[in-house]
C-alpha cells in the first residue's frame, strides 16, 4: 500500500473537522465568561476569600478580610472596599478578564 493511499482516509476525517466555525465563533461557543460578574455573584464568605487572595497577590500585608463593601457602580468592573483583620482598607477592582487591581493606603 502506498503511503499516500493510506493517509487519504485520515485526511477525509481531519478536513471536515477543520471546517465549520471561525475562530471568533469558537471563542463565543467556549464562553470564556465575565469573571467580574462571577465575583459579583459570590456569597459573602467566598467574596472575602477572593478579595483576600487579590490583596495577598498584590504583595500587601493582610491576614484575612473581615468585611467587604461594594462601592463601584459598574457591573463590568466592580469595586469593593475590603477591610483586613489589622484594620487597613484596600480598594479591589475586578476586570471582566479576572485581573484584580488593588489600591491601598495606610491608615493614620
PDB file of N, CA and C in Angstrom:
ATOM      1  N   UNK A   1       0.836  -1.172   0.000  1.00  0.00           N
ATOM      2  CA  UNK A   1       0.000   0.000   0.000  1.00  0.00           C
ATOM      3  C   UNK A   1       0.883   1.238   0.000  1.00  0.00           C
ATOM      4  N   UNK A   2       0.581   2.181  -0.854  1.00  0.00           N
ATOM      5  CA  UNK A   2       1.355   3.409  -0.924  1.00  0.00           C
ATOM      6  C   UNK A   2       0.988   4.313   0.250  1.00  0.00           C
ATOM      7  N   UNK A   3       1.951   5.076   0.778  1.00  0.00           N
ATOM      8  CA  UNK A   3       1.670   5.957   1.913  1.00  0.00           C
ATOM      9  C   UNK A   3       0.575   6.978   1.607  1.00  0.00           C
ATOM     10  N   UNK A   4       0.513   7.485   0.391  1.00  0.00           N
ATOM     11  CA  UNK A   4      -0.492   8.500   0.071  1.00  0.00           C
ATOM     12  C   UNK A   4      -1.903   7.905   0.122  1.00  0.00           C
ATOM     13  N   UNK A   5      -2.051   6.628  -0.243  1.00  0.00           N
ATOM     14  CA  UNK A   5      -3.354   5.996  -0.174  1.00  0.00           C
ATOM     15  C   UNK A   5      -3.743   5.695   1.272  1.00  0.00           C
ATOM     16  N   UNK A   6      -2.750   5.430   2.091  1.00  0.00           N
ATOM     17  CA  UNK A   6      -3.004   5.152   3.494  1.00  0.00           C
ATOM     18  C   UNK A   6      -3.461   6.420   4.235  1.00  0.00           C
ATOM     19  N   UNK A   7      -2.879   7.570   3.885  1.00  0.00           N
ATOM     20  CA  UNK A   7      -3.214   8.823   4.547  1.00  0.00           C
ATOM     21  C   UNK A   7      -4.523   9.431   4.058  1.00  0.00           C
ATOM     22  N   UNK A   8      -4.976   9.050   2.882  1.00  0.00           N
ATOM     23  CA  UNK A   8      -6.200   9.637   2.317  1.00  0.00           C
ATOM     24  C   UNK A   8      -7.410   9.478   3.238  1.00  0.00           C
ATOM     25  N   UNK A   9      -7.700   8.298   3.789  1.00  0.00           N
ATOM     26  CA  UNK A   9      -8.858   8.193   4.690  1.00  0.00           C
ATOM     27  C   UNK A   9      -8.710   9.059   5.944  1.00  0.00           C
ATOM     28  N   UNK A  10      -7.487   9.207   6.449  1.00  0.00           N
ATOM     29  CA  UNK A  10      -7.269  10.055   7.614  1.00  0.00           C
ATOM     30  C   UNK A  10      -7.544  11.513   7.294  1.00  0.00           C
ATOM     31  N   UNK A  11      -7.129  11.954   6.108  1.00  0.00           N
ATOM     32  CA  UNK A  11      -7.377  13.327   5.708  1.00  0.00           C
ATOM     33  C   UNK A  11      -8.869  13.597   5.564  1.00  0.00           C
ATOM     34  N   UNK A  12      -9.608  12.605   5.110  1.00  0.00           N
ATOM     35  CA  UNK A  12     -11.051  12.778   4.974  1.00  0.00           C
ATOM     36  C   UNK A  12     -11.713  12.990   6.334  1.00  0.00           C
ATOM     37  N   UNK A  13     -11.116  12.440   7.382  1.00  0.00           N
ATOM     38  CA  UNK A  13     -11.652  12.645   8.721  1.00  0.00           C
ATOM     39  C   UNK A  13     -11.235  13.991   9.308  1.00  0.00           C
ATOM     40  N   UNK A  14     -10.024  14.438   8.992  1.00  0.00           N
ATOM     41  CA  UNK A  14      -9.488  15.662   9.571  1.00  0.00           C
ATOM     42  C   UNK A  14     -10.057  16.909   8.898  1.00  0.00           C
ATOM     43  N   UNK A  15     -10.194  16.904   7.593  1.00  0.00           N
ATOM     44  CA  UNK A  15     -10.623  18.091   6.858  1.00  0.00           C
ATOM     45  C   UNK A  15     -12.012  18.563   7.301  1.00  0.00           C
ATOM     46  N   UNK A  16     -13.021  17.700   7.427  1.00  0.00           N
ATOM     47  CA  UNK A  16     -14.313  18.204   7.877  1.00  0.00           C
ATOM     48  C   UNK A  16     -14.263  18.793   9.287  1.00  0.00           C
ATOM     49  N   UNK A  17     -13.389  18.285  10.113  1.00  0.00           N
ATOM     50  CA  UNK A  17     -13.285  18.801  11.468  1.00  0.00           C
ATOM     51  C   UNK A  17     -12.732  20.222  11.475  1.00  0.00           C
ATOM     52  N   UNK A  18     -11.935  20.580  10.486  1.00  0.00           N
ATOM     53  CA  UNK A  18     -11.343  21.908  10.424  1.00  0.00           C
ATOM     54  C   UNK A  18     -12.324  22.933   9.864  1.00  0.00           C
ATOM     55  N   UNK A  19     -13.303  22.494   9.135  1.00  0.00           N
ATOM     56  CA  UNK A  19     -14.280  23.411   8.579  1.00  0.00           C
ATOM     57  C   UNK A  19     -15.416  23.544   9.573  1.00  0.00           C
ATOM     58  N   UNK A  20     -16.183  24.537   9.492  1.00  0.00           N
ATOM     59  CA  UNK A  20     -17.340  24.617  10.376  1.00  0.00           C
ATOM     60  C   UNK A  20     -17.468  25.950  11.068  1.00  0.00           C
ATOM     61  N   UNK A  21     -16.547  26.297  11.955  1.00  0.00           N
ATOM     62  CA  UNK A  21     -16.668  27.558  12.665  1.00  0.00           C
ATOM     63  C   UNK A  21     -15.397  28.360  12.522  1.00  0.00           C
ATOM     64  N   UNK A  22     -15.541  29.658  12.645  1.00  0.00           N
ATOM     65  CA  UNK A  22     -14.371  30.527  12.625  1.00  0.00           C
ATOM     66  C   UNK A  22     -13.818  30.618  14.038  1.00  0.00           C
ATOM     67  N   UNK A  23     -12.668  31.239  14.179  1.00  0.00           N
ATOM     68  CA  UNK A  23     -12.050  31.391  15.493  1.00  0.00           C
ATOM     69  C   UNK A  23     -12.957  32.218  16.404  1.00  0.00           C
ATOM     70  N   UNK A  24     -13.573  33.256  15.867  1.00  0.00           N
ATOM     71  CA  UNK A  24     -14.467  34.095  16.665  1.00  0.00           C
ATOM     72  C   UNK A  24     -15.671  33.306  17.147  1.00  0.00           C
ATOM     73  N   UNK A  25     -16.246  32.505  16.275  1.00  0.00           N
ATOM     74  CA  UNK A  25     -17.393  31.690  16.664  1.00  0.00           C
ATOM     75  C   UNK A  25     -17.011  30.681  17.732  1.00  0.00           C
ATOM     76  N   UNK A  26     -15.816  30.101  17.608  1.00  0.00           N
ATOM     77  CA  UNK A  26     -15.358  29.137  18.605  1.00  0.00           C
ATOM     78  C   UNK A  26     -15.186  29.816  19.959  1.00  0.00           C
ATOM     79  N   UNK A  27     -14.645  31.036  19.967  1.00  0.00           N
ATOM     80  CA  UNK A  27     -14.473  31.763  21.226  1.00  0.00           C
ATOM     81  C   UNK A  27     -15.821  32.041  21.873  1.00  0.00           C
ATOM     82  N   UNK A  28     -16.825  32.368  21.073  1.00  0.00           N
ATOM     83  CA  UNK A  28     -18.152  32.604  21.620  1.00  0.00           C
ATOM     84  C   UNK A  28     -18.755  31.312  22.168  1.00  0.00           C
ATOM     85  N   UNK A  29     -18.474  30.199  21.503  1.00  0.00           N
ATOM     86  CA  UNK A  29     -19.012  28.928  21.962  1.00  0.00           C
ATOM     87  C   UNK A  29     -18.369  28.497  23.271  1.00  0.00           C
ATOM     88  N   UNK A  30     -17.078  28.784  23.413  1.00  0.00           N
ATOM     89  CA  UNK A  30     -16.374  28.434  24.649  1.00  0.00           C
ATOM     90  C   UNK A  30     -16.953  29.235  25.815  1.00  0.00           C
ATOM     91  N   UNK A  31     -17.400  30.466  25.539  1.00  0.00           N
ATOM     92  CA  UNK A  31     -17.999  31.335  26.549  1.00  0.00           C
ATOM     93  C   UNK A  31     -17.063  31.480  27.743  1.00  0.00           C
ATOM     94  N   UNK A  32     -15.944  32.132  27.483  1.00  0.00           N
ATOM     95  CA  UNK A  32     -14.912  32.306  28.493  1.00  0.00           C
ATOM     96  C   UNK A  32     -15.494  32.903  29.770  1.00  0.00           C
ATOM     97  N   UNK A  33     -16.460  33.737  29.652  1.00  0.00           N
ATOM     98  CA  UNK A  33     -17.124  34.268  30.835  1.00  0.00           C
ATOM     99  C   UNK A  33     -16.623  35.630  31.241  1.00  0.00           C
ATOM    100  N   UNK A  34     -17.394  36.248  32.063  1.00  0.00           N
ATOM    101  CA  UNK A  34     -17.057  37.536  32.611  1.00  0.00           C
ATOM    102  C   UNK A  34     -16.783  37.309  34.096  1.00  0.00           C
ATOM    103  N   UNK A  35     -15.511  37.290  34.445  1.00  0.00           N
ATOM    104  CA  UNK A  35     -15.131  36.976  35.814  1.00  0.00           C
ATOM    105  C   UNK A  35     -15.642  38.013  36.802  1.00  0.00           C
ATOM    106  N   UNK A  36     -15.752  39.259  36.369  1.00  0.00           N
ATOM    107  CA  UNK A  36     -16.250  40.302  37.262  1.00  0.00           C
ATOM    108  C   UNK A  36     -17.676  39.983  37.702  1.00  0.00           C
ATOM    109  N   UNK A  37     -18.508  39.554  36.763  1.00  0.00           N
ATOM    110  CA  UNK A  37     -19.887  39.215  37.112  1.00  0.00           C
ATOM    111  C   UNK A  37     -19.946  37.965  37.987  1.00  0.00           C
ATOM    112  N   UNK A  38     -19.016  37.036  37.766  1.00  0.00           N
ATOM    113  CA  UNK A  38     -18.974  35.840  38.603  1.00  0.00           C
ATOM    114  C   UNK A  38     -18.593  36.194  40.044  1.00  0.00           C
ATOM    115  N   UNK A  39     -17.655  37.133  40.191  1.00  0.00           N
ATOM    116  CA  UNK A  39     -17.253  37.554  41.534  1.00  0.00           C
ATOM    117  C   UNK A  39     -18.412  38.289  42.208  1.00  0.00           C
ATOM    118  N   UNK A  40     -19.149  39.093  41.448  1.00  0.00           N
ATOM    119  CA  UNK A  40     -20.315  39.793  41.994  1.00  0.00           C
ATOM    120  C   UNK A  40     -21.351  38.824  42.551  1.00  0.00           C
ATOM    121  N   UNK A  41     -21.455  37.662  41.945  1.00  0.00           N
ATOM    122  CA  UNK A  41     -22.468  36.685  42.338  1.00  0.00           C
ATOM    123  C   UNK A  41     -22.043  35.807  43.516  1.00  0.00           C
ATOM    124  N   UNK A  42     -20.812  35.939  43.979  1.00  0.00           N
ATOM    125  CA  UNK A  42     -20.324  35.090  45.069  1.00  0.00           C
ATOM    126  C   UNK A  42     -21.004  35.410  46.394  1.00  0.00           C
ATOM    127  N   UNK A  43     -21.198  34.384  47.223  1.00  0.00           N
ATOM    128  CA  UNK A  43     -21.672  34.653  48.584  1.00  0.00           C
ATOM    129  C   UNK A  43     -20.590  35.409  49.363  1.00  0.00           C
ATOM    130  N   UNK A  44     -20.984  36.119  50.398  1.00  0.00           N
ATOM    131  CA  UNK A  44     -20.081  36.999  51.150  1.00  0.00           C
ATOM    132  C   UNK A  44     -18.796  36.293  51.608  1.00  0.00           C
ATOM    133  N   UNK A  45     -18.885  35.078  52.104  1.00  0.00           N
ATOM    134  CA  UNK A  45     -17.691  34.359  52.573  1.00  0.00           C
ATOM    135  C   UNK A  45     -16.700  34.089  51.453  1.00  0.00           C
ATOM    136  N   UNK A  46     -17.203  33.639  50.315  1.00  0.00           N
ATOM    137  CA  UNK A  46     -16.328  33.372  49.169  1.00  0.00           C
ATOM    138  C   UNK A  46     -15.742  34.663  48.615  1.00  0.00           C
ATOM    139  N   UNK A  47     -16.538  35.732  48.628  1.00  0.00           N
ATOM    140  CA  UNK A  47     -16.065  37.032  48.155  1.00  0.00           C
ATOM    141  C   UNK A  47     -14.891  37.505  49.005  1.00  0.00           C
ATOM    142  N   UNK A  48     -15.006  37.370  50.319  1.00  0.00           N
ATOM    143  CA  UNK A  48     -13.904  37.788  51.201  1.00  0.00           C
ATOM    144  C   UNK A  48     -12.635  36.997  50.915  1.00  0.00           C
ATOM    145  N   UNK A  49     -12.775  35.729  50.567  1.00  0.00           N
ATOM    146  CA  UNK A  49     -11.601  34.908  50.219  1.00  0.00           C
ATOM    147  C   UNK A  49     -10.967  35.407  48.923  1.00  0.00           C
ATOM    148  N   UNK A  50     -11.789  35.719  47.921  1.00  0.00           N
ATOM    149  CA  UNK A  50     -11.272  36.219  46.639  1.00  0.00           C
ATOM    150  C   UNK A  50     -10.553  37.546  46.835  1.00  0.00           C
ATOM    151  N   UNK A  51     -11.145  38.447  47.616  1.00  0.00           N
ATOM    152  CA  UNK A  51     -10.513  39.747  47.863  1.00  0.00           C
ATOM    153  C   UNK A  51      -9.223  39.584  48.667  1.00  0.00           C
ATOM    154  N   UNK A  52      -9.242  38.690  49.643  1.00  0.00           N
ATOM    155  CA  UNK A  52      -8.028  38.399  50.422  1.00  0.00           C
ATOM    156  C   UNK A  52      -6.909  37.932  49.505  1.00  0.00           C
ATOM    157  N   UNK A  53      -7.240  37.029  48.596  1.00  0.00           N
ATOM    158  CA  UNK A  53      -6.221  36.495  47.678  1.00  0.00           C
ATOM    159  C   UNK A  53      -5.673  37.596  46.771  1.00  0.00           C
ATOM    160  N   UNK A  54      -6.549  38.494  46.304  1.00  0.00           N
ATOM    161  CA  UNK A  54      -6.100  39.602  45.454  1.00  0.00           C
ATOM    162  C   UNK A  54      -5.149  40.516  46.221  1.00  0.00           C
ATOM    163  N   UNK A  55      -5.474  40.802  47.472  1.00  0.00           N
ATOM    164  CA  UNK A  55      -4.622  41.667  48.297  1.00  0.00           C
ATOM    165  C   UNK A  55      -3.275  40.990  48.552  1.00  0.00           C
ATOM    166  N   UNK A  56      -3.302  39.711  48.878  1.00  0.00           N
ATOM    167  CA  UNK A  56      -2.054  38.961  49.102  1.00  0.00           C
ATOM    168  C   UNK A  56      -1.201  38.920  47.837  1.00  0.00           C
ATOM    169  N   UNK A  57      -1.849  38.668  46.681  1.00  0.00           N
ATOM    170  CA  UNK A  57      -1.116  38.607  45.412  1.00  0.00           C
ATOM    171  C   UNK A  57      -0.499  39.952  45.051  1.00  0.00           C
ATOM    172  N   UNK A  58      -1.080  41.046  45.551  1.00  0.00           N
ATOM    173  CA  UNK A  58      -0.526  42.379  45.309  1.00  0.00           C
ATOM    174  C   UNK A  58       0.675  42.653  46.212  1.00  0.00           C
ATOM    175  N   UNK A  59       0.955  41.712  47.118  1.00  0.00           N
ATOM    176  CA  UNK A  59       2.110  41.860  47.995  1.00  0.00           C
ATOM    177  C   UNK A  59       1.851  42.716  49.221  1.00  0.00           C
ATOM    178  N   UNK A  60       0.584  42.915  49.544  1.00  0.00           N
ATOM    179  CA  UNK A  60       0.235  43.738  50.699  1.00  0.00           C
ATOM    180  C   UNK A  60      -0.037  42.846  51.908  1.00  0.00           C
ATOM    181  N   UNK A  61       0.301  43.329  53.103  1.00  0.00           N
ATOM    182  CA  UNK A  61       0.053  42.511  54.292  1.00  0.00           C
ATOM    183  C   UNK A  61      -1.435  42.454  54.610  1.00  0.00           C
ATOM    184  N   UNK A  62      -1.938  41.255  54.804  1.00  0.00           N
ATOM    185  CA  UNK A  62      -3.331  41.043  55.167  1.00  0.00           C
ATOM    186  C   UNK A  62      -3.456  39.598  55.636  1.00  0.00           C
ATOM    187  N   UNK A  63      -3.981  39.425  56.835  1.00  0.00           N
ATOM    188  CA  UNK A  63      -4.153  38.081  57.387  1.00  0.00           C
ATOM    189  C   UNK A  63      -5.543  37.520  57.127  1.00  0.00           C
ATOM    190  N   UNK A  64      -6.430  38.362  56.633  1.00  0.00           N
ATOM    191  CA  UNK A  64      -7.795  37.944  56.332  1.00  0.00           C
ATOM    192  C   UNK A  64      -8.657  39.166  56.116  1.00  0.00           C
ATOM    193  N   UNK A  65      -9.716  39.012  55.323  1.00  0.00           N
ATOM    194  CA  UNK A  65     -10.647  40.107  55.058  1.00  0.00           C
ATOM    195  C   UNK A  65     -11.853  39.918  55.963  1.00  0.00           C
ATOM    196  N   UNK A  66     -12.128  40.919  56.794  1.00  0.00           N
ATOM    197  CA  UNK A  66     -13.239  40.836  57.736  1.00  0.00           C
ATOM    198  C   UNK A  66     -14.529  41.409  57.172  1.00  0.00           C
ATOM    199  N   UNK A  67     -14.427  42.354  56.242  1.00  0.00           N
ATOM    200  CA  UNK A  67     -15.630  42.923  55.627  1.00  0.00           C
ATOM    201  C   UNK A  67     -15.315  43.386  54.213  1.00  0.00           C
ATOM    202  N   UNK A  68     -16.355  43.395  53.388  1.00  0.00           N
ATOM    203  CA  UNK A  68     -16.217  43.841  52.001  1.00  0.00           C
ATOM    204  C   UNK A  68     -17.476  44.603  51.624  1.00  0.00           C
ATOM    205  N   UNK A  69     -17.293  45.853  51.224  1.00  0.00           N
ATOM    206  CA  UNK A  69     -18.411  46.710  50.852  1.00  0.00           C
ATOM    207  C   UNK A  69     -18.293  47.048  49.372  1.00  0.00           C
ATOM    208  N   UNK A  70     -19.323  46.724  48.599  1.00  0.00           N
ATOM    209  CA  UNK A  70     -19.345  47.049  47.180  1.00  0.00           C
ATOM    210  C   UNK A  70     -19.533  48.549  47.044  1.00  0.00           C
ATOM    211  N   UNK A  71     -18.566  49.236  46.396  1.00  0.00           N
ATOM    212  CA  UNK A  71     -18.667  50.682  46.256  1.00  0.00           C
ATOM    213  C   UNK A  71     -18.708  51.130  44.797  1.00  0.00           C
ATOM    214  N   UNK A  72     -18.341  50.253  43.867  1.00  0.00           N
ATOM    215  CA  UNK A  72     -18.376  50.612  42.459  1.00  0.00           C
ATOM    216  C   UNK A  72     -19.754  50.393  41.874  1.00  0.00           C
ATOM    217  N   UNK A  73     -20.085  51.144  40.837  1.00  0.00           N
ATOM    218  CA  UNK A  73     -21.410  51.010  40.223  1.00  0.00           C
ATOM    219  C   UNK A  73     -21.368  50.348  38.853  1.00  0.00           C
ATOM    220  N   UNK A  74     -20.177  50.093  38.330  1.00  0.00           N
ATOM    221  CA  UNK A  74     -20.045  49.463  37.017  1.00  0.00           C
ATOM    222  C   UNK A  74     -20.026  47.946  37.190  1.00  0.00           C
ATOM    223  N   UNK A  75     -21.061  47.223  36.686  1.00  0.00           N
ATOM    224  CA  UNK A  75     -21.087  45.768  36.875  1.00  0.00           C
ATOM    225  C   UNK A  75     -19.975  45.042  36.110  1.00  0.00           C
ATOM    226  N   UNK A  76     -19.365  45.700  35.139  1.00  0.00           N
ATOM    227  CA  UNK A  76     -18.260  45.074  34.414  1.00  0.00           C
ATOM    228  C   UNK A  76     -16.923  45.285  35.104  1.00  0.00           C
ATOM    229  N   UNK A  77     -16.856  46.210  36.046  1.00  0.00           N
ATOM    230  CA  UNK A  77     -15.637  46.456  36.823  1.00  0.00           C
ATOM    231  C   UNK A  77     -16.026  46.776  38.265  1.00  0.00           C
ATOM    232  N   UNK A  78     -16.565  45.790  38.979  1.00  0.00           N
ATOM    233  CA  UNK A  78     -16.993  46.065  40.348  1.00  0.00           C
ATOM    234  C   UNK A  78     -15.812  46.400  41.248  1.00  0.00           C
ATOM    235  N   UNK A  79     -16.088  47.245  42.241  1.00  0.00           N
ATOM    236  CA  UNK A  79     -15.070  47.658  43.206  1.00  0.00           C
ATOM    237  C   UNK A  79     -15.591  47.403  44.619  1.00  0.00           C
ATOM    238  N   UNK A  80     -14.694  46.886  45.455  1.00  0.00           N
ATOM    239  CA  UNK A  80     -15.030  46.655  46.846  1.00  0.00           C
ATOM    240  C   UNK A  80     -14.024  47.360  47.738  1.00  0.00           C
ATOM    241  N   UNK A  81     -14.509  47.841  48.869  1.00  0.00           N
ATOM    242  CA  UNK A  81     -13.619  48.323  49.917  1.00  0.00           C
ATOM    243  C   UNK A  81     -13.510  47.179  50.902  1.00  0.00           C
ATOM    244  N   UNK A  82     -12.341  46.573  50.956  1.00  0.00           N
ATOM    245  CA  UNK A  82     -12.107  45.412  51.803  1.00  0.00           C
ATOM    246  C   UNK A  82     -11.309  45.830  53.031  1.00  0.00           C
ATOM    247  N   UNK A  83     -11.755  45.364  54.187  1.00  0.00           N
ATOM    248  CA  UNK A  83     -11.031  45.638  55.426  1.00  0.00           C
ATOM    249  C   UNK A  83     -10.358  44.362  55.896  1.00  0.00           C
ATOM    250  N   UNK A  84      -9.063  44.477  56.168  1.00  0.00           N
ATOM    251  CA  UNK A  84      -8.298  43.334  56.670  1.00  0.00           C
ATOM    252  C   UNK A  84      -8.394  43.271  58.193  1.00  0.00           C
ATOM    253  N   UNK A  85      -7.968  42.157  58.749  1.00  0.00           N
ATOM    254  CA  UNK A  85      -8.044  41.952  60.195  1.00  0.00           C
ATOM    255  C   UNK A  85      -7.228  42.989  60.971  1.00  0.00           C
ATOM    256  N   UNK A  86      -6.201  43.573  60.331  1.00  0.00           N
ATOM    257  CA  UNK A  86      -5.386  44.587  61.003  1.00  0.00           C
ATOM    258  C   UNK A  86      -6.018  45.980  60.943  1.00  0.00           C
ATOM    259  N   UNK A  87      -7.197  46.091  60.323  1.00  0.00           N
ATOM    260  CA  UNK A  87      -7.892  47.373  60.263  1.00  0.00           C
ATOM    261  C   UNK A  87      -7.635  48.174  58.999  1.00  0.00           C
ATOM    262  N   UNK A  88      -6.663  47.784  58.203  1.00  0.00           N
ATOM    263  CA  UNK A  88      -6.361  48.512  56.963  1.00  0.00           C
ATOM    264  C   UNK A  88      -7.404  48.214  55.893  1.00  0.00           C
ATOM    265  N   UNK A  89      -7.669  49.232  55.077  1.00  0.00           N
ATOM    266  CA  UNK A  89      -8.619  49.108  53.979  1.00  0.00           C
ATOM    267  C   UNK A  89      -7.879  49.055  52.649  1.00  0.00           C
ATOM    268  N   UNK A  90      -8.447  48.317  51.712  1.00  0.00           N
ATOM    269  CA  UNK A  90      -7.907  48.222  50.359  1.00  0.00           C
ATOM    270  C   UNK A  90      -9.069  48.305  49.381  1.00  0.00           C
ATOM    271  N   UNK A  91      -8.850  48.989  48.276  1.00  0.00           N
ATOM    272  CA  UNK A  91      -9.846  49.060  47.213  1.00  0.00           C
ATOM    273  C   UNK A  91      -9.471  48.011  46.177  1.00  0.00           C
ATOM    274  N   UNK A  92     -10.388  47.080  45.895  1.00  0.00           N
ATOM    275  CA  UNK A  92     -10.121  45.997  44.947  1.00  0.00           C
ATOM    276  C   UNK A  92     -11.121  46.102  43.798  1.00  0.00           C
ATOM    277  N   UNK A  93     -10.596  46.222  42.586  1.00  0.00           N
ATOM    278  CA  UNK A  93     -11.411  46.284  41.375  1.00  0.00           C
ATOM    279  C   UNK A  93     -11.147  45.022  40.572  1.00  0.00           C
ATOM    280  N   UNK A  94     -12.200  44.382  40.081  1.00  0.00           N
ATOM    281  CA  UNK A  94     -12.062  43.158  39.286  1.00  0.00           C
ATOM    282  C   UNK A  94     -12.518  43.451  37.859  1.00  0.00           C
ATOM    283  N   UNK A  95     -11.621  43.211  36.903  1.00  0.00           N
ATOM    284  CA  UNK A  95     -11.933  43.379  35.485  1.00  0.00           C
ATOM    285  C   UNK A  95     -12.635  42.139  34.946  1.00  0.00           C
ATOM    286  N   UNK A  96     -13.327  42.269  33.806  1.00  0.00           N
ATOM    287  CA  UNK A  96     -14.005  41.107  33.217  1.00  0.00           C
ATOM    288  C   UNK A  96     -13.072  39.932  32.926  1.00  0.00           C
ATOM    289  N   UNK A  97     -11.785  40.211  32.641  1.00  0.00           N
ATOM    290  CA  UNK A  97     -10.849  39.131  32.338  1.00  0.00           C
ATOM    291  C   UNK A  97     -10.283  38.466  33.585  1.00  0.00           C
ATOM    292  N   UNK A  98     -10.712  38.930  34.758  1.00  0.00           N
ATOM    293  CA  UNK A  98     -10.269  38.305  36.003  1.00  0.00           C
ATOM    294  C   UNK A  98      -9.116  39.018  36.687  1.00  0.00           C
ATOM    295  N   UNK A  99      -8.574  40.051  36.071  1.00  0.00           N
ATOM    296  CA  UNK A  99      -7.480  40.794  36.681  1.00  0.00           C
ATOM    297  C   UNK A  99      -8.017  41.643  37.820  1.00  0.00           C
ATOM    298  N   UNK A 100      -7.337  41.599  38.954  1.00  0.00           N
ATOM    299  CA  UNK A 100      -7.733  42.409  40.101  1.00  0.00           C
ATOM    300  C   UNK A 100      -6.713  43.521  40.299  1.00  0.00           C
ATOM    301  N   UNK A 101      -7.211  44.735  40.461  1.00  0.00           N
ATOM    302  CA  UNK A 101      -6.377  45.887  40.748  1.00  0.00           C
ATOM    303  C   UNK A 101      -6.597  46.250  42.216  1.00  0.00           C
ATOM    304  N   UNK A 102      -5.523  46.325  42.976  1.00  0.00           N
ATOM    305  CA  UNK A 102      -5.629  46.631  44.412  1.00  0.00           C
ATOM    306  C   UNK A 102      -4.945  47.963  44.685  1.00  0.00           C
ATOM    307  N   UNK A 103      -5.701  48.876  45.276  1.00  0.00           N
ATOM    308  CA  UNK A 103      -5.172  50.169  45.673  1.00  0.00           C
ATOM    309  C   UNK A 103      -5.270  50.234  47.191  1.00  0.00           C
ATOM    310  N   UNK A 104      -4.169  50.681  47.822  1.00  0.00           N
ATOM    311  CA  UNK A 104      -4.131  50.664  49.272  1.00  0.00           C
ATOM    312  C   UNK A 104      -3.610  51.996  49.789  1.00  0.00           C
ATOM    313  N   UNK A 105      -4.003  52.305  51.007  1.00  0.00           N
ATOM    314  CA  UNK A 105      -3.465  53.474  51.694  1.00  0.00           C
ATOM    315  C   UNK A 105      -3.225  53.087  53.140  1.00  0.00           C
ATOM    316  N   UNK A 106      -2.279  53.743  53.747  1.00  0.00           N
ATOM    317  CA  UNK A 106      -2.019  53.497  55.169  1.00  0.00           C
ATOM    318  C   UNK A 106      -3.007  54.277  55.998  1.00  0.00           C
ATOM    319  N   UNK A 107      -3.525  53.635  57.032  1.00  0.00           N
ATOM    320  CA  UNK A 107      -4.413  54.354  57.944  1.00  0.00           C
ATOM    321  C   UNK A 107      -3.551  55.111  58.954  1.00  0.00           C
ATOM    322  N   UNK A 108      -3.996  56.308  59.330  1.00  0.00           N
ATOM    323  CA  UNK A 108      -3.185  57.115  60.269  1.00  0.00           C
ATOM    324  C   UNK A 108      -3.148  56.513  61.651  1.00  0.00           C
TER     325      UNK A 108
END
